[in-house]
């Protein structure tokens, strides 16, 4: 399940935004214990 999926071009602007929102939502929910000013965060 963790192997990359098939390469399917994402060209529709709305589909790109939807993908970005999915990644952003996951990242905001990911627990990160490093200080909030750390370069990674």
ModelCIF file with pLDDT and N, C-alpha, C, O atoms, coordinates in Angstrom:
data_MODEL
#
_entry.id   MODEL 
#
_entity.id                         1 
_entity.type                       polymer 
_entity.pdbx_number_of_molecules   1 
#
_entity_poly.entity_id                      1 
_entity_poly.type                           'polypeptide(L)' 
_entity_poly.nstd_linkage                   no 
_entity_poly.nstd_monomer                   no 
_entity_poly.pdbx_seq_one_letter_code       
;(UNK)(UNK)(UNK)(UNK)(UNK)(UNK)(UNK)(UNK)(UNK)(UNK)(UNK)(UNK)(UNK)(UNK)(UNK)(UNK)
(UNK)(UNK)(UNK)(UNK)(UNK)(UNK)(UNK)(UNK)(UNK)(UNK)(UNK)(UNK)(UNK)(UNK)(UNK)(UNK)
(UNK)(UNK)(UNK)(UNK)(UNK)(UNK)(UNK)(UNK)(UNK)
;
_entity_poly.pdbx_seq_one_letter_code_can   XXXXXXXXXXXXXXXXXXXXXXXXXXXXXXXXXXXXXXXXX 
_entity_poly.pdbx_strand_id                 A 
#
loop_
_entity_poly_seq.entity_id 
_entity_poly_seq.num 
_entity_poly_seq.mon_id 
_entity_poly_seq.hetero 
1 1  UNK n 
1 2  UNK n 
1 3  UNK n 
1 4  UNK n 
1 5  UNK n 
1 6  UNK n 
1 7  UNK n 
1 8  UNK n 
1 9  UNK n 
1 10 UNK n 
1 11 UNK n 
1 12 UNK n 
1 13 UNK n 
1 14 UNK n 
1 15 UNK n 
1 16 UNK n 
1 17 UNK n 
1 18 UNK n 
1 19 UNK n 
1 20 UNK n 
1 21 UNK n 
1 22 UNK n 
1 23 UNK n 
1 24 UNK n 
1 25 UNK n 
1 26 UNK n 
1 27 UNK n 
1 28 UNK n 
1 29 UNK n 
1 30 UNK n 
1 31 UNK n 
1 32 UNK n 
1 33 UNK n 
1 34 UNK n 
1 35 UNK n 
1 36 UNK n 
1 37 UNK n 
1 38 UNK n 
1 39 UNK n 
1 40 UNK n 
1 41 UNK n 
#
_struct_asym.id          A 
_struct_asym.entity_id   1 
#
loop_
_ma_qa_metric.id 
_ma_qa_metric.mode 
_ma_qa_metric.name 
_ma_qa_metric.software_group_id 
_ma_qa_metric.type 
1 global pLDDT . pLDDT 
2 local  pLDDT . pLDDT 
#
_ma_qa_metric_global.metric_id      1 
_ma_qa_metric_global.metric_value   91.54 
_ma_qa_metric_global.model_id       1 
_ma_qa_metric_global.ordinal_id     1 
#
loop_
_ma_qa_metric_local.label_asym_id 
_ma_qa_metric_local.label_comp_id 
_ma_qa_metric_local.label_seq_id 
_ma_qa_metric_local.metric_id 
_ma_qa_metric_local.metric_value 
_ma_qa_metric_local.model_id 
_ma_qa_metric_local.ordinal_id 
A UNK 1  2 49.00 1 1  
A UNK 2  2 58.00 1 2  
A UNK 3  2 65.00 1 3  
A UNK 4  2 78.00 1 4  
A UNK 5  2 76.00 1 5  
A UNK 6  2 81.00 1 6  
A UNK 7  2 85.00 1 7  
A UNK 8  2 85.00 1 8  
A UNK 9  2 90.00 1 9  
A UNK 10 2 89.00 1 10 
A UNK 11 2 93.00 1 11 
A UNK 12 2 96.00 1 12 
A UNK 13 2 97.00 1 13 
A UNK 14 2 97.00 1 14 
A UNK 15 2 97.00 1 15 
A UNK 16 2 98.00 1 16 
A UNK 17 2 98.00 1 17 
A UNK 18 2 98.00 1 18 
A UNK 19 2 98.00 1 19 
A UNK 20 2 98.00 1 20 
A UNK 21 2 98.00 1 21 
A UNK 22 2 98.00 1 22 
A UNK 23 2 98.00 1 23 
A UNK 24 2 98.00 1 24 
A UNK 25 2 98.00 1 25 
A UNK 26 2 98.00 1 26 
A UNK 27 2 97.00 1 27 
A UNK 28 2 97.00 1 28 
A UNK 29 2 96.00 1 29 
A UNK 30 2 93.00 1 30 
A UNK 31 2 89.00 1 31 
A UNK 32 2 93.00 1 32 
A UNK 33 2 93.00 1 33 
A UNK 34 2 97.00 1 34 
A UNK 35 2 97.00 1 35 
A UNK 36 2 97.00 1 36 
A UNK 37 2 98.00 1 37 
A UNK 38 2 98.00 1 38 
A UNK 39 2 98.00 1 39 
A UNK 40 2 98.00 1 40 
A UNK 41 2 98.00 1 41 
#
loop_
_atom_site.group_PDB 
_atom_site.id 
_atom_site.type_symbol 
_atom_site.label_atom_id 
_atom_site.label_alt_id 
_atom_site.label_comp_id 
_atom_site.label_asym_id 
_atom_site.label_entity_id 
_atom_site.label_seq_id 
_atom_site.pdbx_PDB_ins_code 
_atom_site.Cartn_x 
_atom_site.Cartn_y 
_atom_site.Cartn_z 
_atom_site.occupancy 
_atom_site.B_iso_or_equiv 
_atom_site.pdbx_formal_charge 
_atom_site.auth_seq_id 
_atom_site.auth_comp_id 
_atom_site.auth_asym_id 
_atom_site.auth_atom_id 
_atom_site.pdbx_PDB_model_num 
ATOM 1   N N  . UNK A 1 1  ? 0.813  -1.210 0.000   1.00 49.00 ? 1  UNK A N  1 
ATOM 2   C CA . UNK A 1 1  ? 0.000  0.000  0.000   1.00 49.00 ? 1  UNK A CA 1 
ATOM 3   C C  . UNK A 1 1  ? 0.851  1.266  0.000   1.00 49.00 ? 1  UNK A C  1 
ATOM 4   O O  . UNK A 1 1  ? 0.365  2.345  -0.340  1.00 49.00 ? 1  UNK A O  1 
ATOM 5   N N  . UNK A 1 2  ? 2.143  1.132  0.388   1.00 58.00 ? 2  UNK A N  1 
ATOM 6   C CA . UNK A 1 2  ? 2.991  2.306  0.472   1.00 58.00 ? 2  UNK A CA 1 
ATOM 7   C C  . UNK A 1 2  ? 3.851  2.504  -0.775  1.00 58.00 ? 2  UNK A C  1 
ATOM 8   O O  . UNK A 1 2  ? 4.607  3.472  -0.853  1.00 58.00 ? 2  UNK A O  1 
ATOM 9   N N  . UNK A 1 3  ? 3.747  1.621  -1.728  1.00 65.00 ? 3  UNK A N  1 
ATOM 10  C CA . UNK A 1 3  ? 4.440  1.878  -2.973  1.00 65.00 ? 3  UNK A CA 1 
ATOM 11  C C  . UNK A 1 3  ? 3.714  3.000  -3.715  1.00 65.00 ? 3  UNK A C  1 
ATOM 12  O O  . UNK A 1 3  ? 2.502  3.152  -3.566  1.00 65.00 ? 3  UNK A O  1 
ATOM 13  N N  . UNK A 1 4  ? 4.434  3.782  -4.508  1.00 78.00 ? 4  UNK A N  1 
ATOM 14  C CA . UNK A 1 4  ? 3.743  4.836  -5.252  1.00 78.00 ? 4  UNK A CA 1 
ATOM 15  C C  . UNK A 1 4  ? 2.717  4.247  -6.201  1.00 78.00 ? 4  UNK A C  1 
ATOM 16  O O  . UNK A 1 4  ? 2.888  3.152  -6.737  1.00 78.00 ? 4  UNK A O  1 
ATOM 17  N N  . UNK A 1 5  ? 1.662  4.991  -6.390  1.00 76.00 ? 5  UNK A N  1 
ATOM 18  C CA . UNK A 1 5  ? 0.608  4.550  -7.288  1.00 76.00 ? 5  UNK A CA 1 
ATOM 19  C C  . UNK A 1 5  ? 0.995  4.778  -8.732  1.00 76.00 ? 5  UNK A C  1 
ATOM 20  O O  . UNK A 1 5  ? 2.086  5.275  -9.011  1.00 76.00 ? 5  UNK A O  1 
ATOM 21  N N  . UNK A 1 6  ? 0.123  4.424  -9.646  1.00 81.00 ? 6  UNK A N  1 
ATOM 22  C CA . UNK A 1 6  ? 0.404  4.659  -11.072 1.00 81.00 ? 6  UNK A CA 1 
ATOM 23  C C  . UNK A 1 6  ? 0.478  6.145  -11.358 1.00 81.00 ? 6  UNK A C  1 
ATOM 24  O O  . UNK A 1 6  ? -0.220 6.943  -10.733 1.00 81.00 ? 6  UNK A O  1 
ATOM 25  N N  . UNK A 1 7  ? 1.324  6.510  -12.302 1.00 85.00 ? 7  UNK A N  1 
ATOM 26  C CA . UNK A 1 7  ? 1.474  7.922  -12.649 1.00 85.00 ? 7  UNK A CA 1 
ATOM 27  C C  . UNK A 1 7  ? 0.321  8.324  -13.567 1.00 85.00 ? 7  UNK A C  1 
ATOM 28  O O  . UNK A 1 7  ? 0.240  7.907  -14.722 1.00 85.00 ? 7  UNK A O  1 
ATOM 29  N N  . UNK A 1 8  ? -0.544 9.130  -13.025 1.00 85.00 ? 8  UNK A N  1 
ATOM 30  C CA . UNK A 1 8  ? -1.694 9.640  -13.778 1.00 85.00 ? 8  UNK A CA 1 
ATOM 31  C C  . UNK A 1 8  ? -1.583 11.161 -13.778 1.00 85.00 ? 8  UNK A C  1 
ATOM 32  O O  . UNK A 1 8  ? -1.716 11.778 -12.722 1.00 85.00 ? 8  UNK A O  1 
ATOM 33  N N  . UNK A 1 9  ? -1.343 11.781 -14.926 1.00 90.00 ? 9  UNK A N  1 
ATOM 34  C CA . UNK A 1 9  ? -1.180 13.236 -14.960 1.00 90.00 ? 9  UNK A CA 1 
ATOM 35  C C  . UNK A 1 9  ? -2.356 13.967 -14.305 1.00 90.00 ? 9  UNK A C  1 
ATOM 36  O O  . UNK A 1 9  ? -3.519 13.668 -14.579 1.00 90.00 ? 9  UNK A O  1 
ATOM 37  N N  . UNK A 1 10 ? -2.031 14.933 -13.434 1.00 89.00 ? 10 UNK A N  1 
ATOM 38  C CA . UNK A 1 10 ? -3.046 15.758 -12.779 1.00 89.00 ? 10 UNK A CA 1 
ATOM 39  C C  . UNK A 1 10 ? -2.928 17.151 -13.367 1.00 89.00 ? 10 UNK A C  1 
ATOM 40  O O  . UNK A 1 10 ? -2.026 17.910 -13.013 1.00 89.00 ? 10 UNK A O  1 
ATOM 41  N N  . UNK A 1 11 ? -3.845 17.485 -14.270 1.00 93.00 ? 11 UNK A N  1 
ATOM 42  C CA . UNK A 1 11 ? -3.749 18.750 -14.995 1.00 93.00 ? 11 UNK A CA 1 
ATOM 43  C C  . UNK A 1 11 ? -4.920 19.688 -14.728 1.00 93.00 ? 11 UNK A C  1 
ATOM 44  O O  . UNK A 1 11 ? -4.796 20.895 -14.939 1.00 93.00 ? 11 UNK A O  1 
ATOM 45  N N  . UNK A 1 12 ? -6.027 19.174 -14.281 1.00 96.00 ? 12 UNK A N  1 
ATOM 46  C CA . UNK A 1 12 ? -7.184 20.022 -14.010 1.00 96.00 ? 12 UNK A CA 1 
ATOM 47  C C  . UNK A 1 12 ? -6.905 20.879 -12.778 1.00 96.00 ? 12 UNK A C  1 
ATOM 48  O O  . UNK A 1 12 ? -6.578 20.332 -11.725 1.00 96.00 ? 12 UNK A O  1 
ATOM 49  N N  . UNK A 1 13 ? -7.023 22.208 -12.874 1.00 97.00 ? 13 UNK A N  1 
ATOM 50  C CA . UNK A 1 13 ? -6.714 23.059 -11.721 1.00 97.00 ? 13 UNK A CA 1 
ATOM 51  C C  . UNK A 1 13 ? -7.486 22.690 -10.468 1.00 97.00 ? 13 UNK A C  1 
ATOM 52  O O  . UNK A 1 13 ? -6.930 22.724 -9.370  1.00 97.00 ? 13 UNK A O  1 
ATOM 53  N N  . UNK A 1 14 ? -8.759 22.337 -10.609 1.00 97.00 ? 14 UNK A N  1 
ATOM 54  C CA . UNK A 1 14 ? -9.557 21.967 -9.433  1.00 97.00 ? 14 UNK A CA 1 
ATOM 55  C C  . UNK A 1 14 ? -9.038 20.680 -8.809  1.00 97.00 ? 14 UNK A C  1 
ATOM 56  O O  . UNK A 1 14 ? -9.022 20.547 -7.585  1.00 97.00 ? 14 UNK A O  1 
ATOM 57  N N  . UNK A 1 15 ? -8.612 19.727 -9.641  1.00 97.00 ? 15 UNK A N  1 
ATOM 58  C CA . UNK A 1 15 ? -8.070 18.472 -9.117  1.00 97.00 ? 15 UNK A CA 1 
ATOM 59  C C  . UNK A 1 15 ? -6.741 18.712 -8.410  1.00 97.00 ? 15 UNK A C  1 
ATOM 60  O O  . UNK A 1 15 ? -6.441 18.057 -7.412  1.00 97.00 ? 15 UNK A O  1 
ATOM 61  N N  . UNK A 1 16 ? -5.948 19.640 -8.919  1.00 98.00 ? 16 UNK A N  1 
ATOM 62  C CA . UNK A 1 16 ? -4.689 19.971 -8.263  1.00 98.00 ? 16 UNK A CA 1 
ATOM 63  C C  . UNK A 1 16 ? -4.954 20.558 -6.886  1.00 98.00 ? 16 UNK A C  1 
ATOM 64  O O  . UNK A 1 16 ? -4.301 20.179 -5.914  1.00 98.00 ? 16 UNK A O  1 
ATOM 65  N N  . UNK A 1 17 ? -5.906 21.480 -6.793  1.00 98.00 ? 17 UNK A N  1 
ATOM 66  C CA . UNK A 1 17 ? -6.236 22.079 -5.501  1.00 98.00 ? 17 UNK A CA 1 
ATOM 67  C C  . UNK A 1 17 ? -6.736 21.017 -4.529  1.00 98.00 ? 17 UNK A C  1 
ATOM 68  O O  . UNK A 1 17 ? -6.369 21.032 -3.354  1.00 98.00 ? 17 UNK A O  1 
ATOM 69  N N  . UNK A 1 18 ? -7.561 20.105 -5.002  1.00 98.00 ? 18 UNK A N  1 
ATOM 70  C CA . UNK A 1 18 ? -8.077 19.044 -4.136  1.00 98.00 ? 18 UNK A CA 1 
ATOM 71  C C  . UNK A 1 18 ? -6.941 18.178 -3.590  1.00 98.00 ? 18 UNK A C  1 
ATOM 72  O O  . UNK A 1 18 ? -6.958 17.790 -2.422  1.00 98.00 ? 18 UNK A O  1 
ATOM 73  N N  . UNK A 1 19 ? -5.957 17.877 -4.438  1.00 98.00 ? 19 UNK A N  1 
ATOM 74  C CA . UNK A 1 19 ? -4.809 17.084 -3.998  1.00 98.00 ? 19 UNK A CA 1 
ATOM 75  C C  . UNK A 1 19 ? -3.983 17.863 -2.969  1.00 98.00 ? 19 UNK A C  1 
ATOM 76  O O  . UNK A 1 19 ? -3.542 17.304 -1.965  1.00 98.00 ? 19 UNK A O  1 
ATOM 77  N N  . UNK A 1 20 ? -3.783 19.128 -3.224  1.00 98.00 ? 20 UNK A N  1 
ATOM 78  C CA . UNK A 1 20 ? -3.026 19.961 -2.286  1.00 98.00 ? 20 UNK A CA 1 
ATOM 79  C C  . UNK A 1 20 ? -3.737 20.046 -0.948  1.00 98.00 ? 20 UNK A C  1 
ATOM 80  O O  . UNK A 1 20 ? -3.091 19.987 0.098   1.00 98.00 ? 20 UNK A O  1 
ATOM 81  N N  . UNK A 1 21 ? -5.037 20.182 -0.961  1.00 98.00 ? 21 UNK A N  1 
ATOM 82  C CA . UNK A 1 21 ? -5.792 20.247 0.289   1.00 98.00 ? 21 UNK A CA 1 
ATOM 83  C C  . UNK A 1 21 ? -5.669 18.936 1.070   1.00 98.00 ? 21 UNK A C  1 
ATOM 84  O O  . UNK A 1 21 ? -5.591 18.945 2.299   1.00 98.00 ? 21 UNK A O  1 
ATOM 85  N N  . UNK A 1 22 ? -5.653 17.815 0.353   1.00 98.00 ? 22 UNK A N  1 
ATOM 86  C CA . UNK A 1 22 ? -5.532 16.519 1.029   1.00 98.00 ? 22 UNK A CA 1 
ATOM 87  C C  . UNK A 1 22 ? -4.183 16.408 1.734   1.00 98.00 ? 22 UNK A C  1 
ATOM 88  O O  . UNK A 1 22 ? -4.113 15.942 2.871   1.00 98.00 ? 22 UNK A O  1 
ATOM 89  N N  . UNK A 1 23 ? -3.121 16.832 1.069   1.00 98.00 ? 23 UNK A N  1 
ATOM 90  C CA . UNK A 1 23 ? -1.790 16.782 1.674   1.00 98.00 ? 23 UNK A CA 1 
ATOM 91  C C  . UNK A 1 23 ? -1.698 17.775 2.831   1.00 98.00 ? 23 UNK A C  1 
ATOM 92  O O  . UNK A 1 23 ? -1.156 17.445 3.886   1.00 98.00 ? 23 UNK A O  1 
ATOM 93  N N  . UNK A 1 24 ? -2.221 18.987 2.645   1.00 98.00 ? 24 UNK A N  1 
ATOM 94  C CA . UNK A 1 24 ? -2.164 20.004 3.696   1.00 98.00 ? 24 UNK A CA 1 
ATOM 95  C C  . UNK A 1 24 ? -2.953 19.565 4.926   1.00 98.00 ? 24 UNK A C  1 
ATOM 96  O O  . UNK A 1 24 ? -2.497 19.760 6.053   1.00 98.00 ? 24 UNK A O  1 
ATOM 97  N N  . UNK A 1 25 ? -4.115 18.982 4.727   1.00 98.00 ? 25 UNK A N  1 
ATOM 98  C CA . UNK A 1 25 ? -4.930 18.523 5.854   1.00 98.00 ? 25 UNK A CA 1 
ATOM 99  C C  . UNK A 1 25 ? -4.204 17.425 6.624   1.00 98.00 ? 25 UNK A C  1 
ATOM 100 O O  . UNK A 1 25 ? -4.205 17.416 7.855   1.00 98.00 ? 25 UNK A O  1 
ATOM 101 N N  . UNK A 1 26 ? -3.585 16.500 5.891   1.00 98.00 ? 26 UNK A N  1 
ATOM 102 C CA . UNK A 1 26 ? -2.847 15.425 6.571   1.00 98.00 ? 26 UNK A CA 1 
ATOM 103 C C  . UNK A 1 26 ? -1.687 16.013 7.369   1.00 98.00 ? 26 UNK A C  1 
ATOM 104 O O  . UNK A 1 26 ? -1.435 15.601 8.501   1.00 98.00 ? 26 UNK A O  1 
ATOM 105 N N  . UNK A 1 27 ? -0.982 16.976 6.775   1.00 97.00 ? 27 UNK A N  1 
ATOM 106 C CA . UNK A 1 27 ? 0.185  17.530 7.443   1.00 97.00 ? 27 UNK A CA 1 
ATOM 107 C C  . UNK A 1 27 ? -0.198 18.313 8.696   1.00 97.00 ? 27 UNK A C  1 
ATOM 108 O O  . UNK A 1 27 ? 0.491  18.233 9.713   1.00 97.00 ? 27 UNK A O  1 
ATOM 109 N N  . UNK A 1 28 ? -1.278 19.059 8.626   1.00 97.00 ? 28 UNK A N  1 
ATOM 110 C CA . UNK A 1 28 ? -1.702 19.825 9.801   1.00 97.00 ? 28 UNK A CA 1 
ATOM 111 C C  . UNK A 1 28 ? -2.118 18.901 10.948  1.00 97.00 ? 28 UNK A C  1 
ATOM 112 O O  . UNK A 1 28 ? -2.002 19.260 12.120  1.00 97.00 ? 28 UNK A O  1 
ATOM 113 N N  . UNK A 1 29 ? -2.598 17.721 10.599  1.00 96.00 ? 29 UNK A N  1 
ATOM 114 C CA . UNK A 1 29 ? -3.035 16.784 11.636  1.00 96.00 ? 29 UNK A CA 1 
ATOM 115 C C  . UNK A 1 29 ? -1.904 15.905 12.150  1.00 96.00 ? 29 UNK A C  1 
ATOM 116 O O  . UNK A 1 29 ? -2.067 15.208 13.151  1.00 96.00 ? 29 UNK A O  1 
ATOM 117 N N  . UNK A 1 30 ? -0.755 15.932 11.473  1.00 93.00 ? 30 UNK A N  1 
ATOM 118 C CA . UNK A 1 30 ? 0.367  15.061 11.850  1.00 93.00 ? 30 UNK A CA 1 
ATOM 119 C C  . UNK A 1 30 ? 1.026  15.591 13.111  1.00 93.00 ? 30 UNK A C  1 
ATOM 120 O O  . UNK A 1 30 ? 1.438  16.751 13.130  1.00 93.00 ? 30 UNK A O  1 
ATOM 121 N N  . UNK A 1 31 ? 1.146  14.788 14.174  1.00 89.00 ? 31 UNK A N  1 
ATOM 122 C CA . UNK A 1 31 ? 1.760  15.280 15.409  1.00 89.00 ? 31 UNK A CA 1 
ATOM 123 C C  . UNK A 1 31 ? 3.260  15.482 15.232  1.00 89.00 ? 31 UNK A C  1 
ATOM 124 O O  . UNK A 1 31 ? 3.963  14.580 14.775  1.00 89.00 ? 31 UNK A O  1 
ATOM 125 N N  . UNK A 1 32 ? 3.738  16.637 15.585  1.00 93.00 ? 32 UNK A N  1 
ATOM 126 C CA . UNK A 1 32 ? 5.158  16.957 15.447  1.00 93.00 ? 32 UNK A CA 1 
ATOM 127 C C  . UNK A 1 32 ? 5.605  17.591 16.754  1.00 93.00 ? 32 UNK A C  1 
ATOM 128 O O  . UNK A 1 32 ? 5.112  18.657 17.122  1.00 93.00 ? 32 UNK A O  1 
ATOM 129 N N  . UNK A 1 33 ? 6.527  16.954 17.459  1.00 93.00 ? 33 UNK A N  1 
ATOM 130 C CA . UNK A 1 33 ? 6.939  17.420 18.784  1.00 93.00 ? 33 UNK A CA 1 
ATOM 131 C C  . UNK A 1 33 ? 8.111  18.395 18.740  1.00 93.00 ? 33 UNK A C  1 
ATOM 132 O O  . UNK A 1 33 ? 8.536  18.887 19.785  1.00 93.00 ? 33 UNK A O  1 
ATOM 133 N N  . UNK A 1 34 ? 8.636  18.682 17.565  1.00 97.00 ? 34 UNK A N  1 
ATOM 134 C CA . UNK A 1 34 ? 9.713  19.669 17.492  1.00 97.00 ? 34 UNK A CA 1 
ATOM 135 C C  . UNK A 1 34 ? 9.165  21.065 17.757  1.00 97.00 ? 34 UNK A C  1 
ATOM 136 O O  . UNK A 1 34 ? 7.977  21.324 17.562  1.00 97.00 ? 34 UNK A O  1 
ATOM 137 N N  . UNK A 1 35 ? 10.035 21.954 18.200  1.00 97.00 ? 35 UNK A N  1 
ATOM 138 C CA . UNK A 1 35 ? 9.562  23.301 18.503  1.00 97.00 ? 35 UNK A CA 1 
ATOM 139 C C  . UNK A 1 35 ? 8.946  23.934 17.263  1.00 97.00 ? 35 UNK A C  1 
ATOM 140 O O  . UNK A 1 35 ? 9.328  23.622 16.135  1.00 97.00 ? 35 UNK A O  1 
ATOM 141 N N  . UNK A 1 36 ? 8.000  24.817 17.486  1.00 97.00 ? 36 UNK A N  1 
ATOM 142 C CA . UNK A 1 36 ? 7.195  25.355 16.391  1.00 97.00 ? 36 UNK A CA 1 
ATOM 143 C C  . UNK A 1 36 ? 7.988  26.217 15.428  1.00 97.00 ? 36 UNK A C  1 
ATOM 144 O O  . UNK A 1 36 ? 7.532  26.446 14.308  1.00 97.00 ? 36 UNK A O  1 
ATOM 145 N N  . UNK A 1 37 ? 9.162  26.704 15.821  1.00 98.00 ? 37 UNK A N  1 
ATOM 146 C CA . UNK A 1 37 ? 9.979  27.519 14.926  1.00 98.00 ? 37 UNK A CA 1 
ATOM 147 C C  . UNK A 1 37 ? 11.054 26.696 14.223  1.00 98.00 ? 37 UNK A C  1 
ATOM 148 O O  . UNK A 1 37 ? 11.874 27.256 13.494  1.00 98.00 ? 37 UNK A O  1 
ATOM 149 N N  . UNK A 1 38 ? 11.068 25.392 14.425  1.00 98.00 ? 38 UNK A N  1 
ATOM 150 C CA . UNK A 1 38 ? 12.095 24.544 13.817  1.00 98.00 ? 38 UNK A CA 1 
ATOM 151 C C  . UNK A 1 38 ? 11.988 24.605 12.294  1.00 98.00 ? 38 UNK A C  1 
ATOM 152 O O  . UNK A 1 38 ? 10.888 24.703 11.751  1.00 98.00 ? 38 UNK A O  1 
ATOM 153 N N  . UNK A 1 39 ? 13.113 24.550 11.617  1.00 98.00 ? 39 UNK A N  1 
ATOM 154 C CA . UNK A 1 39 ? 13.125 24.713 10.155  1.00 98.00 ? 39 UNK A CA 1 
ATOM 155 C C  . UNK A 1 39 ? 12.277 23.667 9.446   1.00 98.00 ? 39 UNK A C  1 
ATOM 156 O O  . UNK A 1 39 ? 11.675 23.958 8.412   1.00 98.00 ? 39 UNK A O  1 
ATOM 157 N N  . UNK A 1 40 ? 12.220 22.461 9.984   1.00 98.00 ? 40 UNK A N  1 
ATOM 158 C CA . UNK A 1 40 ? 11.417 21.427 9.339   1.00 98.00 ? 40 UNK A CA 1 
ATOM 159 C C  . UNK A 1 40 ? 9.955  21.832 9.292   1.00 98.00 ? 40 UNK A C  1 
ATOM 160 O O  . UNK A 1 40 ? 9.309  21.740 8.248   1.00 98.00 ? 40 UNK A O  1 
ATOM 161 N N  . UNK A 1 41 ? 9.439  22.278 10.424  1.00 98.00 ? 41 UNK A N  1 
ATOM 162 C CA . UNK A 1 41 ? 8.041  22.686 10.493  1.00 98.00 ? 41 UNK A CA 1 
ATOM 163 C C  . UNK A 1 41 ? 7.811  23.992 9.726   1.00 98.00 ? 41 UNK A C  1 
ATOM 164 O O  . UNK A 1 41 ? 6.686  24.489 9.675   1.00 98.00 ? 41 UNK A O  1 
#
